PDB file of N, CA and C in Angstrom:
ATOM      1  N   MET A   1     -11.294 -22.139   0.958  1.00  0.00           N
ATOM      2  CA  MET A   1     -12.333 -20.927   1.176  1.00  0.00           C
ATOM      3  C   MET A   1     -12.142 -20.701   2.657  1.00  0.00           C
ATOM      4  N   ALA A   2     -11.940 -18.953   3.018  1.00  0.00           N
ATOM      5  CA  ALA A   2     -11.165 -18.546   4.428  1.00  0.00           C
ATOM      6  C   ALA A   2     -12.900 -18.455   4.964  1.00  0.00           C
ATOM      7  N   ALA A   3     -12.524 -18.445   6.250  1.00  0.00           N
ATOM      8  CA  ALA A   3     -13.162 -18.392   7.596  1.00  0.00           C
ATOM      9  C   ALA A   3     -13.857 -17.578   7.582  1.00  0.00           C
ATOM     10  N   THR A   4     -15.101 -17.430   7.903  1.00  0.00           N
ATOM     11  CA  THR A   4     -15.969 -16.047   8.280  1.00  0.00           C
ATOM     12  C   THR A   4     -15.399 -15.699   9.415  1.00  0.00           C
ATOM     13  N   GLU A   5     -14.756 -14.414   9.369  1.00  0.00           N
ATOM     14  CA  GLU A   5     -14.459 -13.380  10.343  1.00  0.00           C
ATOM     15  C   GLU A   5     -15.723 -13.500  11.437  1.00  0.00           C
ATOM     16  N   ALA A   6     -15.531 -13.681  12.371  1.00  0.00           N
ATOM     17  CA  ALA A   6     -16.653 -13.240  13.667  1.00  0.00           C
ATOM     18  C   ALA A   6     -16.942 -11.850  14.051  1.00  0.00           C
ATOM     19  N   LYS A   7     -17.898 -10.822  13.622  1.00  0.00           N
ATOM     20  CA  LYS A   7     -17.514  -9.607  14.519  1.00  0.00           C
ATOM     21  C   LYS A   7     -18.033  -9.638  16.003  1.00  0.00           C
ATOM     22  N   PRO A   8     -17.357  -8.280  16.289  1.00  0.00           N
ATOM     23  CA  PRO A   8     -17.268  -8.252  17.627  1.00  0.00           C
ATOM     24  C   PRO A   8     -18.858  -8.421  18.445  1.00  0.00           C
ATOM     25  N   PHE A   9     -19.880  -7.958  17.578  1.00  0.00           N
ATOM     26  CA  PHE A   9     -21.229  -7.697  18.332  1.00  0.00           C
ATOM     27  C   PHE A   9     -22.192  -7.717  17.074  1.00  0.00           C
ATOM     28  N   PRO A  10     -23.043  -7.996  17.231  1.00  0.00           N
ATOM     29  CA  PRO A  10     -24.388  -7.933  16.151  1.00  0.00           C
ATOM     30  C   PRO A  10     -24.956  -6.541  16.124  1.00  0.00           C
ATOM     31  N   LEU A  11     -25.121  -6.322  14.769  1.00  0.00           N
ATOM     32  CA  LEU A  11     -25.592  -5.006  14.313  1.00  0.00           C
ATOM     33  C   LEU A  11     -26.938  -4.785  14.568  1.00  0.00           C
ATOM     34  N   GLU A  12     -27.460  -3.439  15.903  1.00  0.00           N
ATOM     35  CA  GLU A  12     -28.867  -3.606  16.070  1.00  0.00           C
ATOM     36  C   GLU A  12     -29.362  -2.815  14.971  1.00  0.00           C
ATOM     37  N   VAL A  13     -30.347  -3.225  14.083  1.00  0.00           N
ATOM     38  CA  VAL A  13     -31.025  -2.410  13.084  1.00  0.00           C
ATOM     39  C   VAL A  13     -32.679  -2.682  12.631  1.00  0.00           C
ATOM     40  N   ASN A  14     -33.234  -1.418  12.517  1.00  0.00           N
ATOM     41  CA  ASN A  14     -34.400  -1.881  12.436  1.00  0.00           C
ATOM     42  C   ASN A  14     -35.276  -1.917  10.978  1.00  0.00           C
ATOM     43  N   GLY A  15     -35.416  -3.117  10.996  1.00  0.00           N
ATOM     44  CA  GLY A  15     -36.027  -3.931   9.740  1.00  0.00           C
ATOM     45  C   GLY A  15     -37.065  -3.031   9.010  1.00  0.00           C
ATOM     46  N   ALA A  16     -38.045  -3.050   9.980  1.00  0.00           N
ATOM     47  CA  ALA A  16     -39.195  -2.389   9.750  1.00  0.00           C
ATOM     48  C   ALA A  16     -39.133  -0.504   8.933  1.00  0.00           C
ATOM     49  N   ARG A  17     -37.840  -0.090   9.402  1.00  0.00           N
ATOM     50  CA  ARG A  17     -37.669   0.894   8.241  1.00  0.00           C
ATOM     51  C   ARG A  17     -36.726   1.049   7.268  1.00  0.00           C
ATOM     52  N   GLY A  18     -36.404  -0.244   7.262  1.00  0.00           N
ATOM     53  CA  GLY A  18     -35.346  -0.690   5.945  1.00  0.00           C
ATOM     54  C   GLY A  18     -34.130  -0.249   6.391  1.00  0.00           C
ATOM     55  N   GLU A  19     -33.549  -0.465   7.709  1.00  0.00           N
ATOM     56  CA  GLU A  19     -32.281  -0.418   8.067  1.00  0.00           C
ATOM     57  C   GLU A  19     -31.529  -1.878   7.415  1.00  0.00           C
ATOM     58  N   VAL A  20     -29.908  -1.857   7.143  1.00  0.00           N
ATOM     59  CA  VAL A  20     -29.433  -2.737   6.473  1.00  0.00           C
ATOM     60  C   VAL A  20     -28.324  -2.942   7.613  1.00  0.00           C
ATOM     61  N   GLY A  21     -27.383  -3.705   7.996  1.00  0.00           N
ATOM     62  CA  GLY A  21     -26.509  -3.442   8.848  1.00  0.00           C
ATOM     63  C   GLY A  21     -25.189  -3.874   7.560  1.00  0.00           C
ATOM     64  N   LEU A  22     -24.221  -3.331   7.756  1.00  0.00           N
ATOM     65  CA  LEU A  22     -23.056  -3.667   6.974  1.00  0.00           C
ATOM     66  C   LEU A  22     -21.595  -3.181   7.834  1.00  0.00           C
ATOM     67  N   TRP A  23     -20.915  -4.718   7.825  1.00  0.00           N
ATOM     68  CA  TRP A  23     -19.771  -4.264   8.401  1.00  0.00           C
ATOM     69  C   TRP A  23     -18.379  -3.799   7.707  1.00  0.00           C
ATOM     70  N   VAL A  24     -17.855  -2.897   7.433  1.00  0.00           N
ATOM     71  CA  VAL A  24     -16.748  -2.471   6.166  1.00  0.00           C
ATOM     72  C   VAL A  24     -15.253  -2.690   7.368  1.00  0.00           C
ATOM     73  N   ASP A  25     -14.893  -3.919   6.918  1.00  0.00           N
ATOM     74  CA  ASP A  25     -13.819  -4.509   7.861  1.00  0.00           C
ATOM     75  C   ASP A  25     -14.249  -4.169   9.118  1.00  0.00           C
ATOM     76  N   LYS A  26     -13.704  -3.624  10.745  1.00  0.00           N
ATOM     77  CA  LYS A  26     -13.873  -4.005  12.130  1.00  0.00           C
ATOM     78  C   LYS A  26     -14.740  -2.301  12.291  1.00  0.00           C
ATOM     79  N   VAL A  27     -15.721  -1.980  11.073  1.00  0.00           N
ATOM     80  CA  VAL A  27     -16.500  -0.849  11.100  1.00  0.00           C
ATOM     81  C   VAL A  27     -17.401  -0.859  11.054  1.00  0.00           C
ATOM     82  N   PRO A  28     -18.635  -0.968  12.316  1.00  0.00           N
ATOM     83  CA  PRO A  28     -20.023  -1.131  11.909  1.00  0.00           C
ATOM     84  C   PRO A  28     -20.956  -0.120  11.447  1.00  0.00           C
ATOM     85  N   LEU A  29     -21.729  -0.611  10.359  1.00  0.00           N
ATOM     86  CA  LEU A  29     -22.916   0.595  10.105  1.00  0.00           C
ATOM     87  C   LEU A  29     -24.267   0.268  10.145  1.00  0.00           C
ATOM     88  N   VAL A  30     -25.182   1.039   9.692  1.00  0.00           N
ATOM     89  CA  VAL A  30     -26.222   0.945   9.621  1.00  0.00           C
ATOM     90  C   VAL A  30     -26.657   1.721   8.464  1.00  0.00           C
ATOM     91  N   ILE A  31     -26.944   1.218   7.121  1.00  0.00           N
ATOM     92  CA  ILE A  31     -27.557   2.148   6.214  1.00  0.00           C
ATOM     93  C   ILE A  31     -29.153   1.633   6.243  1.00  0.00           C
ATOM     94  N   ALA A  32     -29.442   2.907   5.351  1.00  0.00           N
ATOM     95  CA  ALA A  32     -30.757   2.911   4.792  1.00  0.00           C
ATOM     96  C   ALA A  32     -31.168   3.402   3.570  1.00  0.00           C
ATOM     97  N   ALA A  33     -31.951   3.006   2.791  1.00  0.00           N
ATOM     98  CA  ALA A  33     -32.241   3.838   1.488  1.00  0.00           C
ATOM     99  C   ALA A  33     -33.241   4.675   1.675  1.00  0.00           C
ATOM    100  N   GLU A  34     -33.021   5.977   2.249  1.00  0.00           N
ATOM    101  CA  GLU A  34     -33.764   6.927   2.219  1.00  0.00           C
ATOM    102  C   GLU A  34     -33.957   7.644   1.235  1.00  0.00           C
ATOM    103  N   LEU A  35     -35.077   8.339   0.471  1.00  0.00           N
ATOM    104  CA  LEU A  35     -34.640   9.113  -0.474  1.00  0.00           C
ATOM    105  C   LEU A  35     -33.957  10.259  -0.383  1.00  0.00           C
ATOM    106  N   GLY A  36     -33.478  11.063   0.567  1.00  0.00           N
ATOM    107  CA  GLY A  36     -32.962  12.079   0.579  1.00  0.00           C
ATOM    108  C   GLY A  36     -31.549  11.509   0.096  1.00  0.00           C
ATOM    109  N   GLY A  37     -31.117  10.578   0.962  1.00  0.00           N
ATOM    110  CA  GLY A  37     -29.732   9.520   0.390  1.00  0.00           C
ATOM    111  C   GLY A  37     -29.591   9.100  -1.003  1.00  0.00           C
ATOM    112  N   LEU A  38     -30.476   8.289  -0.983  1.00  0.00           N
ATOM    113  CA  LEU A  38     -30.558   8.185  -2.306  1.00  0.00           C
ATOM    114  C   LEU A  38     -30.367   9.349  -3.707  1.00  0.00           C
ATOM    115  N   SER A  39     -31.029  10.279  -3.227  1.00  0.00           N
ATOM    116  CA  SER A  39     -30.872  11.574  -4.293  1.00  0.00           C
ATOM    117  C   SER A  39     -29.299  12.231  -4.168  1.00  0.00           C
ATOM    118  N   ARG A  40     -29.058  11.973  -2.961  1.00  0.00           N
ATOM    119  CA  ARG A  40     -27.604  12.594  -2.916  1.00  0.00           C
ATOM    120  C   ARG A  40     -26.459  11.580  -3.697  1.00  0.00           C
ATOM    121  N   VAL A  41     -26.807  10.585  -3.435  1.00  0.00           N
ATOM    122  CA  VAL A  41     -26.072   9.564  -4.143  1.00  0.00           C
ATOM    123  C   VAL A  41     -26.431   9.691  -5.665  1.00  0.00           C
ATOM    124  N   SER A  42     -27.199   9.742  -6.073  1.00  0.00           N
ATOM    125  CA  SER A  42     -27.707   9.899  -7.568  1.00  0.00           C
ATOM    126  C   SER A  42     -27.211  11.003  -8.033  1.00  0.00           C
ATOM    127  N   THR A  43     -27.476  12.012  -7.755  1.00  0.00           N
ATOM    128  CA  THR A  43     -26.608  13.482  -8.182  1.00  0.00           C
ATOM    129  C   THR A  43     -25.221  13.746  -7.978  1.00  0.00           C
ATOM    130  N   ARG A  44     -24.656  12.913  -7.266  1.00  0.00           N
ATOM    131  CA  ARG A  44     -23.323  12.796  -6.885  1.00  0.00           C
ATOM    132  C   ARG A  44     -22.596  12.118  -8.172  1.00  0.00           C
ATOM    133  N   LEU A  45     -23.410  10.712  -8.607  1.00  0.00           N
ATOM    134  CA  LEU A  45     -22.914  10.033  -9.653  1.00  0.00           C
ATOM    135  C   LEU A  45     -23.331  10.373 -10.674  1.00  0.00           C
ATOM    136  N   GLU A  46     -24.164  11.535 -11.110  1.00  0.00           N
ATOM    137  CA  GLU A  46     -24.756  11.879 -12.262  1.00  0.00           C
ATOM    138  C   GLU A  46     -25.867  10.674 -12.962  1.00  0.00           C
ATOM    139  N   CYS A  47     -26.828   9.961 -11.764  1.00  0.00           N
ATOM    140  CA  CYS A  47     -27.296   9.095 -12.416  1.00  0.00           C
ATOM    141  C   CYS A  47     -28.612   9.765 -13.645  1.00  0.00           C
ATOM    142  N   LYS A  48     -29.108   8.724 -14.422  1.00  0.00           N
ATOM    143  CA  LYS A  48     -29.956   9.515 -15.278  1.00  0.00           C
ATOM    144  C   LYS A  48     -31.556   8.943 -14.783  1.00  0.00           C
ATOM    145  N   SER A  49     -31.341   7.614 -14.377  1.00  0.00           N
ATOM    146  CA  SER A  49     -32.502   6.938 -13.573  1.00  0.00           C
ATOM    147  C   SER A  49     -32.771   6.326 -12.488  1.00  0.00           C
ATOM    148  N   LEU A  50     -33.514   5.853 -11.994  1.00  0.00           N
ATOM    149  CA  LEU A  50     -33.173   4.877 -10.789  1.00  0.00           C
ATOM    150  C   LEU A  50     -32.429   3.492 -11.199  1.00  0.00           C
ATOM    151  N   ALA A  51     -32.943   3.083 -12.058  1.00  0.00           N
ATOM    152  CA  ALA A  51     -32.463   1.848 -13.093  1.00  0.00           C
ATOM    153  C   ALA A  51     -30.941   1.622 -13.071  1.00  0.00           C
ATOM    154  N   ASP A  52     -30.069   2.961 -13.246  1.00  0.00           N
ATOM    155  CA  ASP A  52     -28.575   3.184 -13.502  1.00  0.00           C
ATOM    156  C   ASP A  52     -28.396   3.309 -12.135  1.00  0.00           C
ATOM    157  N   LEU A  53     -29.183   4.129 -11.041  1.00  0.00           N
ATOM    158  CA  LEU A  53     -28.770   4.199  -9.803  1.00  0.00           C
ATOM    159  C   LEU A  53     -28.450   2.800  -9.507  1.00  0.00           C
ATOM    160  N   PHE A  54     -29.503   2.274  -9.193  1.00  0.00           N
ATOM    161  CA  PHE A  54     -29.650   0.785  -9.035  1.00  0.00           C
ATOM    162  C   PHE A  54     -28.500  -0.263  -9.600  1.00  0.00           C
ATOM    163  N   VAL A  55     -28.296  -0.273 -10.848  1.00  0.00           N
ATOM    164  CA  VAL A  55     -27.140  -1.057 -11.421  1.00  0.00           C
ATOM    165  C   VAL A  55     -26.000  -0.145 -11.005  1.00  0.00           C
ATOM    166  N   ARG A  56     -25.594   0.401 -10.329  1.00  0.00           N
ATOM    167  CA  ARG A  56     -24.302   1.283 -10.159  1.00  0.00           C
ATOM    168  C   ARG A  56     -24.017   0.549  -8.759  1.00  0.00           C
ATOM    169  N   LEU A  57     -25.121   0.786  -7.911  1.00  0.00           N
ATOM    170  CA  LEU A  57     -24.937   0.312  -6.257  1.00  0.00           C
ATOM    171  C   LEU A  57     -24.831  -1.400  -6.292  1.00  0.00           C
ATOM    172  N   SER A  58     -26.071  -2.169  -6.952  1.00  0.00           N
ATOM    173  CA  SER A  58     -25.720  -3.279  -7.082  1.00  0.00           C
ATOM    174  C   SER A  58     -24.319  -4.109  -7.411  1.00  0.00           C
ATOM    175  N   GLY A  59     -23.983  -3.447  -8.499  1.00  0.00           N
ATOM    176  CA  GLY A  59     -22.650  -3.799  -9.296  1.00  0.00           C
ATOM    177  C   GLY A  59     -21.584  -3.476  -8.434  1.00  0.00           C
ATOM    178  N   VAL A  60     -21.582  -2.688  -7.268  1.00  0.00           N
ATOM    179  CA  VAL A  60     -20.592  -2.122  -6.544  1.00  0.00           C
ATOM    180  C   VAL A  60     -19.564  -1.316  -7.401  1.00  0.00           C
ATOM    181  N   GLU A  61     -19.851  -0.561  -8.134  1.00  0.00           N
ATOM    182  CA  GLU A  61     -18.392   0.128  -8.556  1.00  0.00           C
ATOM    183  C   GLU A  61     -18.492   1.174  -7.960  1.00  0.00           C
ATOM    184  N   VAL A  62     -16.999   1.329  -7.846  1.00  0.00           N
ATOM    185  CA  VAL A  62     -16.245   2.216  -6.561  1.00  0.00           C
ATOM    186  C   VAL A  62     -16.980   3.108  -6.509  1.00  0.00           C
ATOM    187  N   ALA A  63     -17.065   4.492  -7.049  1.00  0.00           N
ATOM    188  CA  ALA A  63     -17.440   5.459  -6.786  1.00  0.00           C
ATOM    189  C   ALA A  63     -18.836   5.633  -6.205  1.00  0.00           C
ATOM    190  N   ALA A  64     -19.557   4.665  -6.784  1.00  0.00           N
ATOM    191  CA  ALA A  64     -21.152   4.293  -6.002  1.00  0.00           C
ATOM    192  C   ALA A  64     -21.228   3.589  -4.832  1.00  0.00           C
ATOM    193  N   THR A  65     -19.931   3.081  -4.467  1.00  0.00           N
ATOM    194  CA  THR A  65     -20.001   2.509  -2.933  1.00  0.00           C
ATOM    195  C   THR A  65     -19.603   3.346  -2.171  1.00  0.00           C
ATOM    196  N   VAL A  66     -18.715   3.889  -2.754  1.00  0.00           N
ATOM    197  CA  VAL A  66     -18.085   5.300  -1.705  1.00  0.00           C
ATOM    198  C   VAL A  66     -19.329   6.183  -1.355  1.00  0.00           C
ATOM    199  N   ALA A  67     -19.948   6.678  -2.810  1.00  0.00           N
ATOM    200  CA  ALA A  67     -20.987   7.844  -2.362  1.00  0.00           C
ATOM    201  C   ALA A  67     -22.253   7.081  -1.050  1.00  0.00           C
ATOM    202  N   ALA A  68     -22.603   5.965  -1.816  1.00  0.00           N
ATOM    203  CA  ALA A  68     -23.439   5.028  -0.803  1.00  0.00           C
ATOM    204  C   ALA A  68     -23.338   5.175   0.690  1.00  0.00           C
ATOM    205  N   ILE A  69     -22.033   4.740   0.993  1.00  0.00           N
ATOM    206  CA  ILE A  69     -21.769   4.529   2.204  1.00  0.00           C
ATOM    207  C   ILE A  69     -21.470   5.990   2.908  1.00  0.00           C
ATOM    208  N   ASP A  70     -21.662   7.188   2.403  1.00  0.00           N
ATOM    209  CA  ASP A  70     -21.239   8.366   2.742  1.00  0.00           C
ATOM    210  C   ASP A  70     -22.739   9.046   2.948  1.00  0.00           C
ATOM    211  N   CYS A  71     -23.519   8.571   2.182  1.00  0.00           N
ATOM    212  CA  CYS A  71     -24.560   9.453   1.518  1.00  0.00           C
ATOM    213  C   CYS A  71     -25.979   8.545   2.672  1.00  0.00           C
ATOM    214  N   LEU A  72     -25.902   7.131   2.499  1.00  0.00           N
ATOM    215  CA  LEU A  72     -26.864   6.174   3.085  1.00  0.00           C
ATOM    216  C   LEU A  72     -26.744   5.894   4.656  1.00  0.00           C
ATOM    217  N   THR A  73     -25.297   5.842   4.844  1.00  0.00           N
ATOM    218  CA  THR A  73     -25.499   5.774   6.562  1.00  0.00           C
ATOM    219  C   THR A  73     -26.036   6.487   7.775  1.00  0.00           C
ATOM    220  N   VAL A  74     -26.789   5.749   8.196  1.00  0.00           N
ATOM    221  CA  VAL A  74     -27.530   6.398   9.419  1.00  0.00           C
ATOM    222  C   VAL A  74     -27.159   6.154  10.594  1.00  0.00           C
ATOM    223  N   ARG A  75     -26.277   5.108  11.006  1.00  0.00           N
ATOM    224  CA  ARG A  75     -25.465   5.328  12.080  1.00  0.00           C
ATOM    225  C   ARG A  75     -24.198   4.578  12.110  1.00  0.00           C
ATOM    226  N   GLY A  76     -23.257   4.700  12.614  1.00  0.00           N
ATOM    227  CA  GLY A  76     -21.754   4.054  12.207  1.00  0.00           C
ATOM    228  C   GLY A  76     -21.004   5.979  12.078  1.00  0.00           C
ATOM    229  N   ASP A  77     -19.674   5.606  12.025  1.00  0.00           N
ATOM    230  CA  ASP A  77     -18.585   5.832  11.584  1.00  0.00           C
ATOM    231  C   ASP A  77     -18.375   5.697   9.882  1.00  0.00           C
ATOM    232  N   LYS A  78     -18.975   6.646   9.153  1.00  0.00           N
ATOM    233  CA  LYS A  78     -18.875   6.628   7.632  1.00  0.00           C
ATOM    234  C   LYS A  78     -17.536   6.683   7.001  1.00  0.00           C
ATOM    235  N   LEU A  79     -16.947   7.721   7.881  1.00  0.00           N
ATOM    236  CA  LEU A  79     -15.524   7.989   7.478  1.00  0.00           C
ATOM    237  C   LEU A  79     -14.721   7.299   7.388  1.00  0.00           C
ATOM    238  N   ALA A  80     -14.699   6.466   8.799  1.00  0.00           N
ATOM    239  CA  ALA A  80     -13.731   5.642   9.499  1.00  0.00           C
ATOM    240  C   ALA A  80     -13.641   3.952   8.285  1.00  0.00           C
ATOM    241  N   ALA A  81     -15.257   3.743   7.958  1.00  0.00           N
ATOM    242  CA  ALA A  81     -15.754   2.771   6.691  1.00  0.00           C
ATOM    243  C   ALA A  81     -14.867   3.006   5.645  1.00  0.00           C
ATOM    244  N   ILE A  82     -15.112   4.450   4.875  1.00  0.00           N
ATOM    245  CA  ILE A  82     -14.508   4.387   3.387  1.00  0.00           C
ATOM    246  C   ILE A  82     -13.004   4.171   3.531  1.00  0.00           C
ATOM    247  N   ASP A  83     -12.197   4.856   4.782  1.00  0.00           N
ATOM    248  CA  ASP A  83     -10.900   4.795   4.754  1.00  0.00           C
ATOM    249  C   ASP A  83     -10.592   3.507   4.667  1.00  0.00           C
ATOM    250  N   ALA A  84     -11.436   2.598   5.552  1.00  0.00           N
ATOM    251  CA  ALA A  84     -10.797   1.427   5.760  1.00  0.00           C
ATOM    252  C   ALA A  84     -11.447   0.281   4.604  1.00  0.00           C
ATOM    253  N   LEU A  85     -12.092   0.948   3.604  1.00  0.00           N
ATOM    254  CA  LEU A  85     -12.845  -0.184   2.104  1.00  0.00           C
ATOM    255  C   LEU A  85     -11.495  -0.394   1.221  1.00  0.00           C
ATOM    256  N   LYS A  86     -11.702  -1.730   1.224  1.00  0.00           N
ATOM    257  CA  LYS A  86     -10.733  -2.308   0.533  1.00  0.00           C
ATOM    258  C   LYS A  86     -11.857  -3.319  -0.573  1.00  0.00           C
ATOM    259  N   LEU A  87     -11.347  -3.631  -1.984  1.00  0.00           N
ATOM    260  CA  LEU A  87     -12.298  -4.390  -2.592  1.00  0.00           C
ATOM    261  C   LEU A  87     -12.735  -5.635  -1.950  1.00  0.00           C
ATOM    262  N   LYS A  88     -12.008  -6.436  -1.313  1.00  0.00           N
ATOM    263  CA  LYS A  88     -12.938  -7.474  -0.226  1.00  0.00           C
ATOM    264  C   LYS A  88     -14.104  -7.369   0.124  1.00  0.00           C
ATOM    265  N   HIS A  89     -14.561  -5.898   0.754  1.00  0.00           N
ATOM    266  CA  HIS A  89     -15.785  -5.625   1.297  1.00  0.00           C
ATOM    267  C   HIS A  89     -16.739  -5.362   0.191  1.00  0.00           C
ATOM    268  N   PHE A  90     -16.412  -5.463  -1.002  1.00  0.00           N
ATOM    269  CA  PHE A  90     -17.493  -5.183  -2.333  1.00  0.00           C
ATOM    270  C   PHE A  90     -18.628  -5.946  -1.884  1.00  0.00           C
ATOM    271  N   THR A  91     -18.683  -7.092  -1.632  1.00  0.00           N
ATOM    272  CA  THR A  91     -19.365  -8.119  -2.167  1.00  0.00           C
ATOM    273  C   THR A  91     -20.591  -8.037  -0.942  1.00  0.00           C
ATOM    274  N   ALA A  92     -20.117  -7.789   0.428  1.00  0.00           N
ATOM    275  CA  ALA A  92     -20.651  -7.276   1.841  1.00  0.00           C
ATOM    276  C   ALA A  92     -21.495  -5.991   1.443  1.00  0.00           C
ATOM    277  N   CYS A  93     -21.248  -4.991   0.473  1.00  0.00           N
ATOM    278  CA  CYS A  93     -21.668  -3.836   0.216  1.00  0.00           C
ATOM    279  C   CYS A  93     -22.497  -3.905  -0.729  1.00  0.00           C
ATOM    280  N   ALA A  94     -21.884  -4.912  -1.972  1.00  0.00           N
ATOM    281  CA  ALA A  94     -23.666  -5.202  -2.780  1.00  0.00           C
ATOM    282  C   ALA A  94     -24.962  -5.461  -1.705  1.00  0.00           C
ATOM    283  N   ALA A  95     -24.447  -6.662  -1.127  1.00  0.00           N
ATOM    284  CA  ALA A  95     -26.170  -7.413  -0.422  1.00  0.00           C
ATOM    285  C   ALA A  95     -26.269  -6.269   0.234  1.00  0.00           C
ATOM    286  N   ALA A  96     -25.625  -5.249   1.124  1.00  0.00           N
ATOM    287  CA  ALA A  96     -26.546  -4.359   2.021  1.00  0.00           C
ATOM    288  C   ALA A  96     -27.135  -3.309   1.251  1.00  0.00           C
ATOM    289  N   PHE A  97     -26.567  -2.971   0.197  1.00  0.00           N
ATOM    290  CA  PHE A  97     -27.234  -1.554  -0.659  1.00  0.00           C
ATOM    291  C   PHE A  97     -28.434  -2.640  -1.453  1.00  0.00           C
ATOM    292  N   SER A  98     -28.163  -3.656  -1.946  1.00  0.00           N
ATOM    293  CA  SER A  98     -29.537  -4.212  -2.860  1.00  0.00           C
ATOM    294  C   SER A  98     -30.905  -4.777  -1.515  1.00  0.00           C
ATOM    295  N   ALA A  99     -30.381  -4.945  -0.173  1.00  0.00           N
ATOM    296  CA  ALA A  99     -31.225  -5.386   0.712  1.00  0.00           C
ATOM    297  C   ALA A  99     -31.925  -4.089   1.117  1.00  0.00           C
ATOM    298  N   ALA A 100     -30.954  -2.735   1.410  1.00  0.00           N
ATOM    299  CA  ALA A 100     -31.504  -1.645   1.467  1.00  0.00           C
ATOM    300  C   ALA A 100     -32.717  -0.787   0.442  1.00  0.00           C
ATOM    301  N   LEU A 101     -32.398  -1.158  -0.747  1.00  0.00           N
ATOM    302  CA  LEU A 101     -33.353  -0.758  -1.795  1.00  0.00           C
ATOM    303  C   LEU A 101     -34.151  -1.803  -1.818  1.00  0.00           C
ATOM    304  N   SER A 102     -34.376  -2.652  -1.876  1.00  0.00           N
ATOM    305  CA  SER A 102     -35.155  -3.601  -1.599  1.00  0.00           C
ATOM    306  C   SER A 102     -36.669  -3.249  -0.736  1.00  0.00           C
ATOM    307  N   HIS A 103     -36.461  -2.494   0.366  1.00  0.00           N
ATOM    308  CA  HIS A 103     -37.352  -2.122   0.877  1.00  0.00           C
ATOM    309  C   HIS A 103     -38.370  -1.357   0.483  1.00  0.00           C
ATOM    310  N   HIS A 104     -38.048  -0.757  -0.750  1.00  0.00           N
ATOM    311  CA  HIS A 104     -38.882   0.328  -1.673  1.00  0.00           C
ATOM    312  C   HIS A 104     -39.454  -0.321  -2.512  1.00  0.00           C
ATOM    313  N   PHE A 105     -39.282  -1.604  -3.084  1.00  0.00           N
ATOM    314  CA  PHE A 105     -40.019  -2.542  -4.020  1.00  0.00           C
ATOM    315  C   PHE A 105     -40.728  -3.514  -3.723  1.00  0.00           C
ATOM    316  N   ASP A 106     -40.457  -4.037  -2.065  1.00  0.00           N
ATOM    317  CA  ASP A 106     -41.418  -5.181  -1.605  1.00  0.00           C
ATOM    318  C   ASP A 106     -42.614  -5.113  -1.797  1.00  0.00           C
ATOM    319  N   GLY A 107     -43.439  -4.484  -2.340  1.00  0.00           N
ATOM    320  CA  GLY A 107     -44.854  -4.670  -2.310  1.00  0.00           C
ATOM    321  C   GLY A 107     -45.797  -4.160  -1.267  1.00  0.00           C
ATOM    322  N   ASP A 108     -44.907  -3.516  -0.381  1.00  0.00           N
ATOM    323  CA  ASP A 108     -45.780  -3.265   0.890  1.00  0.00           C
ATOM    324  C   ASP A 108     -46.308  -2.190   1.024  1.00  0.00           C
ATOM    325  N   GLU A 109     -47.713  -2.267   1.261  1.00  0.00           N
ATOM    326  CA  GLU A 109     -48.687  -1.186   0.981  1.00  0.00           C
ATOM    327  C   GLU A 109     -48.531  -0.129   2.353  1.00  0.00           C
ATOM    328  N   GLY A 110     -47.920  -0.376   3.431  1.00  0.00           N
ATOM    329  CA  GLY A 110     -47.876   0.559   4.500  1.00  0.00           C
ATOM    330  C   GLY A 110     -48.758  -0.301   5.592  1.00  0.00           C
ATOM    331  N   ASN A 111     -49.070   0.831   6.167  1.00  0.00           N
ATOM    332  CA  ASN A 111     -49.747   0.443   7.554  1.00  0.00           C
ATOM    333  C   ASN A 111     -51.371   1.071   6.916  1.00  0.00           C
ATOM    334  N   ALA A 112     -52.240   0.240   6.522  1.00  0.00           N
ATOM    335  CA  ALA A 112     -53.500   0.975   5.825  1.00  0.00           C
ATOM    336  C   ALA A 112     -54.256   1.245   6.943  1.00  0.00           C
ATOM    337  N   GLU A 113     -53.913   0.523   8.514  1.00  0.00           N
ATOM    338  CA  GLU A 113     -54.906   0.423   9.701  1.00  0.00           C
ATOM    339  C   GLU A 113     -54.674   1.561  10.110  1.00  0.00           C
ATOM    340  N   ALA A 114     -53.621   2.450  10.412  1.00  0.00           N
ATOM    341  CA  ALA A 114     -53.090   3.587  10.728  1.00  0.00           C
ATOM    342  C   ALA A 114     -53.591   4.717   9.617  1.00  0.00           C
ATOM    343  N   ALA A 115     -53.710   4.738   8.397  1.00  0.00           N
ATOM    344  CA  ALA A 115     -53.634   5.705   7.440  1.00  0.00           C
ATOM    345  C   ALA A 115     -55.142   6.092   7.402  1.00  0.00           C
ATOM    346  N   ALA A 116     -56.056   4.504   7.681  1.00  0.00           N
ATOM    347  CA  ALA A 116     -57.513   4.971   7.423  1.00  0.00           C
ATOM    348  C   ALA A 116     -57.920   5.396   8.798  1.00  0.00           C
ATOM    349  N   GLU A 117     -57.327   5.305  10.060  1.00  0.00           N
ATOM    350  CA  GLU A 117     -57.403   6.051  11.438  1.00  0.00           C
ATOM    351  C   GLU A 117     -57.051   7.475  11.228  1.00  0.00           C
ATOM    352  N   ALA A 118     -55.700   7.898  10.734  1.00  0.00           N
ATOM    353  CA  ALA A 118     -55.782   9.365  10.426  1.00  0.00           C
ATOM    354  C   ALA A 118     -56.445  10.034   9.502  1.00  0.00           C
ATOM    355  N   ALA A 119     -57.659   9.323   8.602  1.00  0.00           N
ATOM    356  CA  ALA A 119     -58.195  10.014   7.535  1.00  0.00           C
ATOM    357  C   ALA A 119     -59.571  10.519   7.940  1.00  0.00           C
ATOM    358  N   THR A 120     -59.560   9.573   8.941  1.00  0.00           N
ATOM    359  CA  THR A 120     -61.345   9.889   9.925  1.00  0.00           C
ATOM    360  C   THR A 120     -61.361  11.256  10.865  1.00  0.00           C
TER     361      THR A 120
END
């Protein structure tokens, strides 16, 4: 088993916003599964459903992985990451995409207190 490579610094992510850190080789990225980005990935891949999009991202299909890095990156050099991308990075990509997508399915009902205050 290969030793885990130490990264030069930890990525700062806003977990409340659904951000997830992803290292592609030595390129740090922060991704988030925002609906606009997911829509661009889905359109680019011609997905017919959310289930299709999820399977393609979590299964790290090559085109889906490149599209997701391009469309879901909110911080970092996505072009450098795509250029550095190798098959050995796909496990980390799958984990990051799944973690980002899970923020949409975690059952969180939002900030009910703020919503009630805004309604008054």
